Amino acid sequence: MADDGFPPPTGDTTPRDGDLTNQEAPDRFVELPDGMQICYQQHGSPDDPVVVLVSGLSMQSLSWPMYFVQGLVDLGYCVLTPDNRDVGRSSRIATRAPNRLRQLFAQPTASSYSLEDMGDDLIRLVTQLGYRRAHVVGMSMGGMIAQVMAARHPELIASLTSIFSTTGDPWVGRPAPSTLRVMARAGLTRTREQAVQRFLTMFRHIGDPSVPGMVKTWTEYAQRAWDRNGGKVEAEGVARQLAAIQKSGDRTAALHRIQAPTLVLHGDRDLMVDPSGGRATARAIPGARLHTIVGLRHQIDPHHTPEMLREIDDMLREADD
């Protein structure tokens, strides 16, 4: 293979779910040294530089649209899309989830894990697969995890792309009041239909349903995510992930230590993570480049994907060079 510092994976990459469907890769599993299983998909050739896509709060690996993933593959990258702990087909954590009162007042329990723990899961995944370096791209909470990975493991992270994310500073990147009202009105979810409707209600607000195909994309994702969870609500896992954000707190000081070339992407119409979060992220990371995408809300959509891929590709190639 090319002398780019990216060896092919050496871990267990045997597909377990049969043939590919809709251009999507099958689920693969790696067991980490602590016994946790991380489920992931591999897209593209393992001989190419690897890009790890890190999903947001409650979101499974399926949340990365295939046109975005395939776009990276077409640009010459091997793309890994893992499920974070506590969602999808990765391991669930046995500790009790914080109750609603603790969530409201940002008081995680002593047993709560952190973003650093979630980042270490993915670092172990990458190293166990045999990679010496990896580009990491994260959206929303996934951007926070990617930031932590870059701050804690500079020897492994070739570049960082943080998409509509923030620093943990409570004064920046806050959800809009209208978003908090939608979240507060969310009811209980007991059935597939309720889960789909709840997801659509939120994304019709923070996303842009006027983009052709988005409502269909959201509906199909919510249906598949429910089925992939075994037909059950994952409220406790989501609560533990939220506690991880709260436990890690303000990470601004840690971001100052990031050495990897960094791109920050943020939409100017984001109602979930205010654009001030993207600006603060770019200010905190030495040499980071901020690119504001006009008209983008809290979603990756086919309309804005070409612009996003151009920015990411430019930065990744610059980092490799």
Foldseek 3Di string as FASTA:
>chain_A
DDPLQWDFFDAFPDADPDDDDPLFFGWDWDQFPVRWIKIKGKDADSVFAEEEEFEAQQAALPQPDPVLVVLVNVLTYIYIRIGFELAFPIHHDPDFFDDPVCLVVLNGDPPFAALLVRLVVVVRVCVNRPGQAHAYEYEAVGLVSQLSNLLVCVRHYLEYEYELYAQQAPVFFAAAPVLVVLVVPQDDDAFLVSQLVSQLSNCVVQFPPVAPPPNVVSNVSSNVRCVSRVNGDSVRSSSSSSSNSSVVHGRLQSQCRRDHAYEYEYECAERHTHCRRSVSSQVSHPNYHYDYDYPGGRGDDPVCSVVVSVVVSVRSVVSSD
